[in-house]
Amino acid sequence: MPQTRDYRPAIFLILSLGLSEAAAASVVPFYNAGYELDAFVLLAVLMPFLLWGLFIESLRGAWLAASGLVLLGISLALLVPERYRHYNGYVDDRIYWIPTLAAAIVLPLAYAFGRRAPQA
């Protein structure tokens, strides 16, 4: 009998790292006194992981983990320069649409190639 891998710990780690990225992107400097939570940035960066969570039951383990890692990598590649290297108040608006666009591209591809059989 072939042994199947359990990807659930990796899936939950990817989800928690995505939530951490969204929190790091949405807590922005407020003048010189402190920080504020930007709810629109929180929702925009969290949206790919919310959409990805819808596919947990319909994708096979490796495809689910790979698509989650791709979304995590794209979000991280966007977050580091936008928030930490040269923060400008998100005036170029890439933080709002690139994560959702990435999910709109990655998730249908992952579903087309990695969906479970209906009997499984």
C-alpha atoms as a PDB file:
ATOM      1  CA  MET A   1       0.000   0.000   0.000  1.00  0.00           C
ATOM      2  CA  PRO A   2       1.548   3.348  -0.985  1.00  0.00           C
ATOM      3  CA  GLN A   3       2.129   5.788   1.801  1.00  0.00           C
ATOM      4  CA  THR A   4       0.544   9.232   1.324  1.00  0.00           C
ATOM      5  CA  ARG A   5       2.081  12.406   2.638  1.00  0.00           C
ATOM      6  CA  ASP A   6       0.232  14.644   5.033  1.00  0.00           C
ATOM      7  CA  TYR A   7       0.605  18.268   3.912  1.00  0.00           C
ATOM      8  CA  ARG A   8      -1.695  19.745   6.561  1.00  0.00           C
ATOM      9  CA  PRO A   9       1.086  21.114   8.823  1.00  0.00           C
ATOM     10  CA  ALA A  10       2.662  22.856   5.828  1.00  0.00           C
ATOM     11  CA  ILE A  11      -0.735  24.188   4.753  1.00  0.00           C
ATOM     12  CA  PHE A  12      -1.416  25.673   8.178  1.00  0.00           C
ATOM     13  CA  LEU A  13       2.096  27.144   8.275  1.00  0.00           C
ATOM     14  CA  ILE A  14       1.537  28.797   4.886  1.00  0.00           C
ATOM     15  CA  LEU A  15      -1.802  30.199   6.074  1.00  0.00           C
ATOM     16  CA  SER A  16      -0.270  31.602   9.259  1.00  0.00           C
ATOM     17  CA  LEU A  17       2.666  33.111   7.359  1.00  0.00           C
ATOM     18  CA  GLY A  18       0.215  34.719   4.931  1.00  0.00           C
ATOM     19  CA  LEU A  19      -1.689  36.194   7.855  1.00  0.00           C
ATOM     20  CA  SER A  20       1.601  37.463   9.300  1.00  0.00           C
ATOM     21  CA  GLU A  21       2.520  39.079   5.972  1.00  0.00           C
ATOM     22  CA  ALA A  22      -0.870  40.779   5.811  1.00  0.00           C
ATOM     23  CA  ALA A  23      -0.461  42.074   9.351  1.00  0.00           C
ATOM     24  CA  ALA A  24       3.055  43.345   8.624  1.00  0.00           C
ATOM     25  CA  ALA A  25       1.874  45.144   5.503  1.00  0.00           C
ATOM     26  CA  SER A  26      -1.144  46.717   7.148  1.00  0.00           C
ATOM     27  CA  VAL A  27       0.481  48.164  10.274  1.00  0.00           C
ATOM     28  CA  VAL A  28       1.882  51.365   8.777  1.00  0.00           C
ATOM     29  CA  PRO A  29       3.631  54.386  10.315  1.00  0.00           C
ATOM     30  CA  PHE A  30       1.374  57.204  11.441  1.00  0.00           C
ATOM     31  CA  TYR A  31       3.313  60.478  11.373  1.00  0.00           C
ATOM     32  CA  ASN A  32       6.159  60.243  13.876  1.00  0.00           C
ATOM     33  CA  ALA A  33       4.137  59.058  16.835  1.00  0.00           C
ATOM     34  CA  GLY A  34       3.138  55.481  16.201  1.00  0.00           C
ATOM     35  CA  TYR A  35       1.425  53.067  13.862  1.00  0.00           C
ATOM     36  CA  GLU A  36      -2.059  52.519  12.515  1.00  0.00           C
ATOM     37  CA  LEU A  37      -3.837  49.562  10.987  1.00  0.00           C
ATOM     38  CA  ASP A  38      -4.765  50.043   7.331  1.00  0.00           C
ATOM     39  CA  ALA A  39      -7.744  47.745   6.886  1.00  0.00           C
ATOM     40  CA  PHE A  40      -7.755  47.939   3.080  1.00  0.00           C
ATOM     41  CA  VAL A  41      -4.144  46.764   2.870  1.00  0.00           C
ATOM     42  CA  LEU A  42      -4.900  43.998   5.364  1.00  0.00           C
ATOM     43  CA  LEU A  43      -7.775  42.760   3.205  1.00  0.00           C
ATOM     44  CA  ALA A  44      -5.829  43.147  -0.050  1.00  0.00           C
ATOM     45  CA  VAL A  45      -2.817  41.128   1.141  1.00  0.00           C
ATOM     46  CA  LEU A  46      -4.978  38.575   2.932  1.00  0.00           C
ATOM     47  CA  MET A  47      -7.336  38.022  -0.045  1.00  0.00           C
ATOM     48  CA  PRO A  48      -5.113  35.475  -1.912  1.00  0.00           C
ATOM     49  CA  PHE A  49      -4.876  33.319   1.194  1.00  0.00           C
ATOM     50  CA  LEU A  50      -8.615  33.531   1.801  1.00  0.00           C
ATOM     51  CA  LEU A  51      -9.237  32.435  -1.787  1.00  0.00           C
ATOM     52  CA  TRP A  52      -6.569  29.735  -1.488  1.00  0.00           C
ATOM     53  CA  GLY A  53      -8.294  28.428   1.636  1.00  0.00           C
ATOM     54  CA  LEU A  54     -11.353  27.644  -0.472  1.00  0.00           C
ATOM     55  CA  PHE A  55      -9.301  25.069  -2.395  1.00  0.00           C
ATOM     56  CA  ILE A  56      -8.074  23.077   0.623  1.00  0.00           C
ATOM     57  CA  GLU A  57     -10.526  20.223   0.112  1.00  0.00           C
ATOM     58  CA  SER A  58     -10.522  20.143  -3.684  1.00  0.00           C
ATOM     59  CA  LEU A  59      -6.758  20.067  -4.432  1.00  0.00           C
ATOM     60  CA  ARG A  60      -4.270  17.261  -3.905  1.00  0.00           C
ATOM     61  CA  GLY A  61      -1.618  17.893  -1.277  1.00  0.00           C
ATOM     62  CA  ALA A  62       1.369  18.735  -3.449  1.00  0.00           C
ATOM     63  CA  TRP A  63      -0.594  21.096  -5.698  1.00  0.00           C
ATOM     64  CA  LEU A  64      -2.159  22.799  -2.711  1.00  0.00           C
ATOM     65  CA  ALA A  65       1.197  23.293  -0.999  1.00  0.00           C
ATOM     66  CA  ALA A  66       2.913  24.466  -4.184  1.00  0.00           C
ATOM     67  CA  SER A  67       0.223  27.004  -5.028  1.00  0.00           C
ATOM     68  CA  GLY A  68       0.300  28.295  -1.449  1.00  0.00           C
ATOM     69  CA  LEU A  69       4.066  28.672  -1.574  1.00  0.00           C
ATOM     70  CA  VAL A  70       3.812  30.570  -4.862  1.00  0.00           C
ATOM     71  CA  LEU A  71       1.253  32.955  -3.369  1.00  0.00           C
ATOM     72  CA  LEU A  72       3.375  33.351  -0.253  1.00  0.00           C
ATOM     73  CA  GLY A  73       6.472  34.091  -2.327  1.00  0.00           C
ATOM     74  CA  ILE A  74       4.698  36.650  -4.499  1.00  0.00           C
ATOM     75  CA  SER A  75       3.279  38.401  -1.453  1.00  0.00           C
ATOM     76  CA  LEU A  76       6.661  38.431   0.249  1.00  0.00           C
ATOM     77  CA  ALA A  77       8.415  39.703  -2.888  1.00  0.00           C
ATOM     78  CA  LEU A  78       5.906  42.542  -3.005  1.00  0.00           C
ATOM     79  CA  LEU A  79       5.871  43.263   0.724  1.00  0.00           C
ATOM     80  CA  VAL A  80       9.599  43.688   1.335  1.00  0.00           C
ATOM     81  CA  PRO A  81      10.267  46.497  -1.161  1.00  0.00           C
ATOM     82  CA  GLU A  82       6.865  48.184  -0.744  1.00  0.00           C
ATOM     83  CA  ARG A  83       6.807  48.258   3.047  1.00  0.00           C
ATOM     84  CA  TYR A  84      10.371  47.980   4.308  1.00  0.00           C
ATOM     85  CA  ARG A  85      12.839  49.165   1.680  1.00  0.00           C
ATOM     86  CA  HIS A  86      11.172  52.353   0.514  1.00  0.00           C
ATOM     87  CA  TYR A  87       7.806  52.914   2.122  1.00  0.00           C
ATOM     88  CA  ASN A  88       5.889  55.724   0.432  1.00  0.00           C
ATOM     89  CA  GLY A  89       2.393  55.220   1.792  1.00  0.00           C
ATOM     90  CA  TYR A  90       1.496  52.699  -0.929  1.00  0.00           C
ATOM     91  CA  VAL A  91       0.913  55.526  -3.433  1.00  0.00           C
ATOM     92  CA  ASP A  92       1.687  53.303  -6.441  1.00  0.00           C
ATOM     93  CA  ASP A  93      -1.205  50.954  -5.415  1.00  0.00           C
ATOM     94  CA  ARG A  94       0.580  47.726  -6.337  1.00  0.00           C
ATOM     95  CA  ILE A  95      -0.068  46.310  -2.865  1.00  0.00           C
ATOM     96  CA  TYR A  96      -3.810  46.431  -3.564  1.00  0.00           C
ATOM     97  CA  TRP A  97      -4.064  44.503  -6.827  1.00  0.00           C
ATOM     98  CA  ILE A  98      -0.970  42.320  -7.354  1.00  0.00           C
ATOM     99  CA  PRO A  99      -1.777  39.729  -4.627  1.00  0.00           C
ATOM    100  CA  THR A 100      -5.313  39.234  -5.923  1.00  0.00           C
ATOM    101  CA  LEU A 101      -4.104  39.085  -9.521  1.00  0.00           C
ATOM    102  CA  ALA A 102      -1.566  36.440  -8.507  1.00  0.00           C
ATOM    103  CA  ALA A 103      -4.338  34.407  -6.883  1.00  0.00           C
ATOM    104  CA  ALA A 104      -6.511  34.804  -9.987  1.00  0.00           C
ATOM    105  CA  ILE A 105      -3.709  33.317 -12.095  1.00  0.00           C
ATOM    106  CA  VAL A 106      -2.251  30.664  -9.765  1.00  0.00           C
ATOM    107  CA  LEU A 107      -5.423  29.156  -8.314  1.00  0.00           C
ATOM    108  CA  PRO A 108      -7.181  28.244 -11.585  1.00  0.00           C
ATOM    109  CA  LEU A 109      -3.941  26.662 -12.840  1.00  0.00           C
ATOM    110  CA  ALA A 110      -3.553  24.676  -9.636  1.00  0.00           C
ATOM    111  CA  TYR A 111      -7.193  23.595  -9.808  1.00  0.00           C
ATOM    112  CA  ALA A 112      -6.909  22.558 -13.461  1.00  0.00           C
ATOM    113  CA  PHE A 113      -3.845  20.401 -12.884  1.00  0.00           C
ATOM    114  CA  GLY A 114      -4.228  19.247  -9.294  1.00  0.00           C
ATOM    115  CA  ARG A 115      -7.880  18.731  -8.489  1.00  0.00           C
ATOM    116  CA  ARG A 116      -8.929  15.560  -6.758  1.00  0.00           C
ATOM    117  CA  ALA A 117     -10.977  12.935  -8.461  1.00  0.00           C
ATOM    118  CA  PRO A 118     -14.688  13.206  -7.600  1.00  0.00           C
ATOM    119  CA  GLN A 119     -14.632   9.753  -5.997  1.00  0.00           C
ATOM    120  CA  ALA A 120     -11.657  10.510  -3.724  1.00  0.00           C
END
